[in-house]
Amino acid sequence: MLTVEHVDKSFPTAHGFGALARTLTGRPVSRRQVLFDVTLSVGRGELFGLLGPNGAGKSTLLKLLSTLTTPDRGRLTIDGIDVAAHPLQAKRRIALCTSDERSFYFRLTARQNLEFFGALMGLSGAKLRRRIDECSALVDMREHLDTVFGGFSSGMRVRLTVARALLSDPGIMFFDEPTRAVDPVHAEEIRALIRRRLVEESGKTVILATNLLDEAWELCDRVAIVNRGRVVALGPPRELDAELDAVVRYRVTLDHVDDELLARTRTVPGLRELRVVRSERGVDLHVELEPGGAALGALMRAVSWSGASPREFRPIDPEAIDVFKKVTSDDRG
């Protein structure tokens, strides 16, 4: 449905008359590169996440895909259409929704706004009225169509942005941090709208740019983690957990522990960390091991030495934040 192949993008570091004068006289204008050799693909009906810290390049990549700017190098396709060669054809298949939407008219009602933007899309008459009704119902805004836009909450404004984008029935929708400016309740409503209504029920392909780790891990089928303009990890969230996390974790619950048992456990090959947590059910050993090797067997022998019987021996899934920190840390270059 969408491909990005070896894309680079840079922007001039200077603007105004000085930059123009340098261009007219043939002198080079310094540029800052924000995307480096980005390659990825998104399948039809997929909810694909672009996750990264502020300034990582997520919004720039969305602008390239939305035909709002062009790459310095590389190729982008939308539904098989080369974006650079046929931008208008590509635009008919996409829609961009941002959390900082300022193009609506605050003194007009939601319906009047949708009528205006629908007309710009070439819709009119009964077809436009039907699309307004269908799209507003999809985002639960039908009963608010005759309310003035200026009175809407931030969550309602985002939903109306989605309704406007849906008027042309695009196959692909881009969301740039849609929950950034809304409260937790409205943010959850927007996530449900994207996941259930747009992807699962309507079959849309959605690309979601976010810097919220839990949002990406909860919603997306696959995630590309972007850092300093490069895709540093890509895959389903659970697979990224397993592939990129540097340790495996276990929680061992025993009736009691003594110094000898702890000393044996500390000799387990590949041990990274050992923590003792006392609770009402006994004593929990939180153990981190290097993956692979004979570490797990050695751990089981250490905690069951001299007949001790663990109450529970449970693997602990890696935390998403550990994966994110690992792939965006400074020592990755």
Protein backbone atom coordinates (compact mmCIF):
# COMPACT_ATOMS: atom_id res chain seq x y z
CA MET A 1 0.00 0.00 0.00
CA LEU A 2 2.88 2.35 0.77
CA THR A 3 6.64 2.15 0.26
CA VAL A 4 9.57 4.36 1.22
CA GLU A 5 12.85 3.47 -0.48
CA HIS A 6 16.22 4.95 0.57
CA VAL A 7 14.82 8.41 1.29
CA ASP A 8 17.00 11.33 2.41
CA LYS A 9 15.69 14.77 3.34
CA SER A 10 17.43 17.98 4.37
CA PHE A 11 16.41 21.59 4.94
CA PRO A 12 18.38 24.84 4.55
CA THR A 13 19.71 26.23 7.80
CA ALA A 14 19.32 29.85 6.63
CA HIS A 15 16.28 31.65 5.22
CA GLY A 16 15.34 35.10 3.97
CA PHE A 17 17.25 37.50 1.73
CA GLY A 18 20.69 36.19 2.67
CA ALA A 19 19.82 32.63 1.63
CA LEU A 20 18.17 33.89 -1.57
CA ALA A 21 21.23 35.96 -2.45
CA ARG A 22 23.51 32.96 -1.99
CA THR A 23 21.26 30.87 -4.24
CA LEU A 24 21.12 33.53 -6.99
CA THR A 25 24.88 33.97 -6.98
CA GLY A 26 25.52 30.24 -7.14
CA ARG A 27 26.99 29.94 -3.67
CA PRO A 28 25.95 26.87 -1.67
CA VAL A 29 23.44 27.21 1.14
CA SER A 30 24.19 25.07 4.18
CA ARG A 31 21.59 22.40 4.92
CA ARG A 32 20.66 20.22 7.88
CA GLN A 33 19.80 16.62 7.06
CA VAL A 34 16.84 15.25 9.01
CA LEU A 35 16.22 11.87 7.31
CA PHE A 36 18.91 9.35 6.37
CA ASP A 37 18.30 6.43 3.99
CA VAL A 38 14.81 5.62 5.31
CA THR A 39 13.30 2.42 3.91
CA LEU A 40 10.02 0.83 5.00
CA SER A 41 6.73 -0.49 3.66
CA VAL A 42 3.17 -0.57 4.99
CA GLY A 43 0.58 -3.20 4.08
CA ARG A 44 -3.06 -2.62 3.18
CA GLY A 45 -5.26 -2.36 6.25
CA GLU A 46 -2.29 -2.08 8.61
CA LEU A 47 -1.96 0.30 11.55
CA PHE A 48 1.69 1.30 11.33
CA GLY A 49 3.42 3.39 13.98
CA LEU A 50 6.23 5.90 13.66
CA LEU A 51 7.65 6.18 17.17
CA GLY A 52 10.46 8.43 18.28
CA PRO A 53 11.50 11.34 20.47
CA ASN A 54 10.74 14.93 19.49
CA GLY A 55 12.84 15.98 16.51
CA ALA A 56 13.49 12.42 15.36
CA GLY A 57 12.06 13.03 11.86
CA LYS A 58 8.57 11.52 12.18
CA SER A 59 6.66 14.62 11.05
CA THR A 60 9.06 15.20 8.16
CA LEU A 61 8.44 11.66 6.93
CA LEU A 62 4.67 12.22 7.14
CA LYS A 63 5.02 15.44 5.12
CA LEU A 64 6.93 13.56 2.44
CA LEU A 65 4.26 10.88 2.27
CA SER A 66 1.53 13.53 2.20
CA THR A 67 3.20 15.25 -0.81
CA LEU A 68 3.75 18.43 1.24
CA THR A 69 7.47 18.30 0.48
CA THR A 70 9.82 16.28 -1.71
CA PRO A 71 12.81 14.08 -0.82
CA ASP A 72 16.39 14.90 -1.72
CA ARG A 73 16.90 11.27 -2.70
CA GLY A 74 14.83 8.09 -2.84
CA ARG A 75 11.38 7.02 -3.94
CA LEU A 76 7.94 6.96 -2.34
CA THR A 77 4.86 5.14 -3.64
CA ILE A 78 1.22 5.33 -2.54
CA ASP A 79 -0.93 2.40 -3.68
CA GLY A 80 1.58 1.75 -6.45
CA ILE A 81 1.73 5.41 -7.57
CA ASP A 82 5.07 7.19 -7.65
CA VAL A 83 4.52 10.24 -5.42
CA ALA A 84 7.11 12.41 -7.17
CA ALA A 85 5.89 11.60 -10.68
CA HIS A 86 2.13 11.73 -9.98
CA PRO A 87 1.51 13.78 -6.81
CA LEU A 88 -2.14 14.59 -7.61
CA GLN A 89 -3.03 10.93 -8.11
CA ALA A 90 -1.31 10.08 -4.82
CA LYS A 91 -3.14 12.89 -2.99
CA ARG A 92 -6.53 11.45 -3.94
CA ARG A 93 -5.73 8.32 -1.93
CA ILE A 94 -4.47 9.92 1.28
CA ALA A 95 -5.51 12.22 4.12
CA LEU A 96 -3.46 13.93 6.84
CA CYS A 97 -4.80 14.58 10.35
CA THR A 98 -2.83 16.64 12.85
CA SER A 99 -3.50 17.57 16.47
CA ASP A 100 -2.69 21.22 15.80
CA GLU A 101 -5.40 21.89 13.23
CA ARG A 102 -6.00 25.61 12.59
CA SER A 103 -7.74 25.65 9.23
CA PHE A 104 -11.30 25.27 10.50
CA TYR A 105 -13.48 28.38 10.72
CA PHE A 106 -14.29 29.00 14.37
CA ARG A 107 -17.54 30.95 13.72
CA LEU A 108 -19.00 28.30 11.46
CA THR A 109 -20.74 25.14 12.64
CA ALA A 110 -19.18 21.74 12.15
CA ARG A 111 -21.59 21.08 9.28
CA GLN A 112 -20.75 24.36 7.56
CA ASN A 113 -17.04 23.62 7.89
CA LEU A 114 -17.49 20.16 6.38
CA GLU A 115 -19.60 21.60 3.54
CA PHE A 116 -16.87 24.12 2.75
CA PHE A 117 -14.01 21.62 2.76
CA GLY A 118 -16.12 19.03 0.97
CA ALA A 119 -16.71 21.54 -1.83
CA LEU A 120 -12.94 22.05 -2.11
CA MET A 121 -12.68 18.29 -2.61
CA GLY A 122 -15.15 18.45 -5.47
CA LEU A 123 -18.17 17.12 -3.56
CA SER A 124 -21.58 18.79 -3.79
CA GLY A 125 -25.32 18.29 -3.45
CA ALA A 126 -26.76 15.04 -2.17
CA LYS A 127 -23.42 13.24 -2.32
CA LEU A 128 -21.78 15.81 -0.04
CA ARG A 129 -24.68 15.72 2.41
CA ARG A 130 -24.53 11.92 2.50
CA ARG A 131 -20.79 11.90 3.09
CA ILE A 132 -21.10 14.46 5.90
CA ASP A 133 -23.75 12.29 7.54
CA GLU A 134 -21.72 9.08 7.14
CA CYS A 135 -18.40 10.53 8.26
CA SER A 136 -19.80 12.41 11.25
CA ALA A 137 -21.55 9.22 12.39
CA LEU A 138 -18.30 7.27 12.07
CA VAL A 139 -16.56 9.63 14.52
CA ASP A 140 -19.63 10.08 16.80
CA MET A 141 -20.13 13.73 15.82
CA ARG A 142 -23.53 13.61 14.12
CA GLU A 143 -25.39 15.24 17.02
CA HIS A 144 -22.81 18.07 17.14
CA LEU A 145 -22.92 19.01 13.45
CA ASP A 146 -24.83 22.23 14.10
CA THR A 147 -22.59 23.36 16.96
CA VAL A 148 -20.19 26.22 16.32
CA PHE A 149 -16.64 24.90 15.94
CA GLY A 150 -15.23 27.46 18.40
CA GLY A 151 -17.13 25.77 21.22
CA PHE A 152 -15.61 22.34 20.67
CA SER A 153 -13.21 20.67 23.08
CA SER A 154 -9.79 19.61 21.81
CA GLY A 155 -10.98 16.02 21.52
CA MET A 156 -14.01 17.00 19.44
CA ARG A 157 -11.81 19.10 17.17
CA VAL A 158 -9.58 16.10 16.49
CA ARG A 159 -12.64 13.99 15.69
CA LEU A 160 -13.94 16.63 13.29
CA THR A 161 -10.50 16.66 11.64
CA VAL A 162 -10.90 12.92 11.08
CA ALA A 163 -14.43 13.41 9.70
CA ARG A 164 -13.14 16.00 7.24
CA ALA A 165 -10.33 13.68 6.14
CA LEU A 166 -12.85 10.88 5.57
CA LEU A 167 -15.04 12.92 3.21
CA SER A 168 -12.98 11.90 0.19
CA ASP A 169 -12.90 8.26 1.38
CA PRO A 170 -9.07 7.95 1.37
CA GLY A 171 -7.43 4.55 1.50
CA ILE A 172 -4.54 5.78 3.64
CA MET A 173 -4.73 8.13 6.63
CA PHE A 174 -1.78 9.81 8.34
CA PHE A 175 -2.06 10.91 11.98
CA ASP A 176 0.57 13.24 13.44
CA GLU A 177 0.43 12.97 17.26
CA PRO A 178 -3.40 13.06 17.39
CA THR A 179 -3.59 12.75 21.20
CA ARG A 180 -0.92 15.33 22.03
CA ALA A 181 -3.27 18.16 23.04
CA VAL A 182 -6.15 16.20 24.60
CA ASP A 183 -6.91 14.87 28.06
CA PRO A 184 -6.57 11.14 28.88
CA VAL A 185 -10.28 10.38 28.42
CA HIS A 186 -10.49 11.98 24.97
CA ALA A 187 -7.13 10.46 24.05
CA GLU A 188 -8.53 6.99 24.72
CA GLU A 189 -11.58 7.79 22.60
CA ILE A 190 -9.37 8.88 19.70
CA ARG A 191 -7.28 5.71 19.96
CA ALA A 192 -10.44 3.59 19.88
CA LEU A 193 -11.65 5.56 16.86
CA ILE A 194 -8.41 4.90 14.99
CA ARG A 195 -8.05 1.23 15.90
CA ARG A 196 -11.66 0.00 15.79
CA ARG A 197 -13.59 2.36 13.54
CA LEU A 198 -10.98 3.22 10.92
CA VAL A 199 -8.77 0.13 10.73
CA GLU A 200 -10.87 -2.82 11.88
CA GLU A 201 -14.33 -1.72 10.67
CA SER A 202 -13.54 0.53 7.68
CA GLY A 203 -10.38 -1.23 6.47
CA LYS A 204 -8.29 1.95 6.29
CA THR A 205 -4.51 1.89 6.26
CA VAL A 206 -3.27 4.16 9.06
CA ILE A 207 0.20 5.56 9.73
CA LEU A 208 0.41 6.98 13.24
CA ALA A 209 3.30 9.24 14.27
CA THR A 210 3.64 9.48 18.05
CA ASN A 211 6.19 9.99 20.79
CA LEU A 212 4.00 8.10 23.29
CA LEU A 213 5.47 4.65 23.82
CA ASP A 214 2.37 3.04 25.33
CA GLU A 215 0.19 4.40 22.53
CA ALA A 216 2.35 2.83 19.84
CA TRP A 217 2.67 -0.49 21.67
CA GLU A 218 -1.09 -0.67 22.37
CA LEU A 219 -2.42 0.30 18.94
CA CYS A 220 0.00 -0.61 16.19
CA ASP A 221 0.44 -3.81 14.22
CA ARG A 222 4.05 -2.82 13.51
CA VAL A 223 6.25 0.02 14.72
CA ALA A 224 9.22 1.78 13.17
CA ILE A 225 11.33 3.46 15.84
CA VAL A 226 12.91 6.62 14.42
CA ASN A 227 15.92 8.28 16.03
CA ARG A 228 18.01 11.12 14.59
CA GLY A 229 16.43 10.66 11.18
CA ARG A 230 17.07 6.94 10.91
CA VAL A 231 14.84 3.90 11.36
CA VAL A 232 16.67 2.08 14.13
CA ALA A 233 14.14 -0.73 14.71
CA LEU A 234 11.10 -2.06 12.87
CA GLY A 235 8.62 -4.84 13.61
CA PRO A 236 5.61 -5.87 15.71
CA PRO A 237 5.89 -4.52 19.26
CA ARG A 238 6.16 -7.99 20.86
CA GLU A 239 8.90 -9.02 18.45
CA LEU A 240 10.80 -5.81 19.14
CA ASP A 241 10.56 -6.60 22.84
CA ALA A 242 12.15 -10.00 22.30
CA GLU A 243 14.69 -8.93 19.66
CA LEU A 244 16.04 -5.77 21.22
CA ASP A 245 15.81 -6.29 24.94
CA ALA A 246 19.25 -7.17 26.27
CA VAL A 247 18.16 -9.48 29.11
CA VAL A 248 15.57 -12.08 30.05
CA ARG A 249 13.79 -11.68 33.37
CA TYR A 250 12.39 -14.14 35.88
CA ARG A 251 10.57 -13.86 39.18
CA VAL A 252 11.20 -16.71 41.59
CA THR A 253 9.00 -16.90 44.70
CA LEU A 254 10.24 -18.89 47.71
CA ASP A 255 9.15 -19.34 51.32
CA HIS A 256 12.41 -17.88 52.53
CA VAL A 257 15.97 -17.23 51.41
CA ASP A 258 19.28 -17.26 53.23
CA ASP A 259 22.72 -15.88 52.53
CA GLU A 260 23.94 -19.19 51.10
CA LEU A 261 21.12 -19.35 48.54
CA LEU A 262 21.77 -15.76 47.46
CA ALA A 263 25.49 -16.44 47.17
CA ARG A 264 24.83 -19.44 44.90
CA THR A 265 22.42 -17.45 42.76
CA ARG A 266 25.01 -14.70 42.28
CA THR A 267 27.36 -17.27 40.72
CA VAL A 268 24.88 -18.14 37.91
CA PRO A 269 26.59 -17.56 34.53
CA GLY A 270 25.19 -14.55 32.70
CA LEU A 271 23.55 -13.01 35.77
CA ARG A 272 22.96 -9.28 35.23
CA GLU A 273 20.93 -8.34 38.27
CA LEU A 274 19.46 -9.92 41.39
CA ARG A 275 16.90 -8.15 43.58
CA VAL A 276 15.16 -9.47 46.69
CA VAL A 277 11.61 -8.30 47.37
CA ARG A 278 9.75 -9.48 50.47
CA SER A 279 5.96 -9.72 50.37
CA GLU A 280 3.05 -11.43 52.14
CA ARG A 281 3.36 -14.49 49.90
CA GLY A 282 7.05 -15.01 50.66
CA VAL A 283 10.26 -13.74 49.08
CA ASP A 284 10.55 -12.83 45.40
CA LEU A 285 13.87 -13.02 43.61
CA HIS A 286 13.85 -10.73 40.56
CA VAL A 287 16.56 -12.06 38.29
CA GLU A 288 17.93 -10.68 35.02
CA LEU A 289 20.00 -13.00 32.81
CA GLU A 290 21.79 -12.70 29.52
CA PRO A 291 19.75 -14.49 26.84
CA GLY A 292 20.80 -17.94 25.67
CA GLY A 293 23.32 -20.34 27.12
CA ALA A 294 22.87 -22.44 30.25
CA ALA A 295 21.90 -19.56 32.53
CA LEU A 296 18.29 -20.66 33.10
CA GLY A 297 19.24 -24.20 34.13
CA ALA A 298 21.94 -22.89 36.43
CA LEU A 299 19.44 -20.51 38.03
CA MET A 300 16.93 -23.32 38.68
CA ARG A 301 19.64 -25.47 40.27
CA ALA A 302 20.83 -22.57 42.43
CA VAL A 303 17.42 -21.71 43.91
CA SER A 304 16.40 -25.37 44.47
CA TRP A 305 19.69 -26.50 46.04
CA SER A 306 19.36 -28.59 49.22
CA GLY A 307 15.72 -29.39 48.49
CA ALA A 308 14.27 -25.88 48.39
CA SER A 309 11.06 -25.80 46.33
CA PRO A 310 10.14 -22.49 44.65
CA ARG A 311 6.47 -21.59 44.90
CA GLU A 312 6.55 -19.89 41.53
CA PHE A 313 9.05 -19.56 38.69
CA ARG A 314 7.74 -17.08 36.13
CA PRO A 315 9.32 -15.31 33.13
CA ILE A 316 8.66 -11.56 33.05
CA ASP A 317 8.00 -9.87 29.72
CA PRO A 318 10.39 -7.03 28.87
CA GLU A 319 9.10 -3.51 29.32
CA ALA A 320 8.52 -1.43 26.19
CA ILE A 321 10.43 1.45 27.76
CA ASP A 322 13.55 -0.75 27.94
CA VAL A 323 13.35 -1.41 24.20
CA PHE A 324 12.81 2.27 23.44
CA LYS A 325 15.74 3.37 25.60
CA LYS A 326 17.98 0.78 24.02
CA VAL A 327 17.36 1.76 20.40
CA THR A 328 17.39 5.54 21.00
CA SER A 329 20.39 5.69 23.32
CA ASP A 330 23.28 7.94 22.35
CA ASP A 331 25.78 5.08 22.15
CA ARG A 332 24.03 3.67 19.05
CA GLY A 333 25.39 6.58 17.01
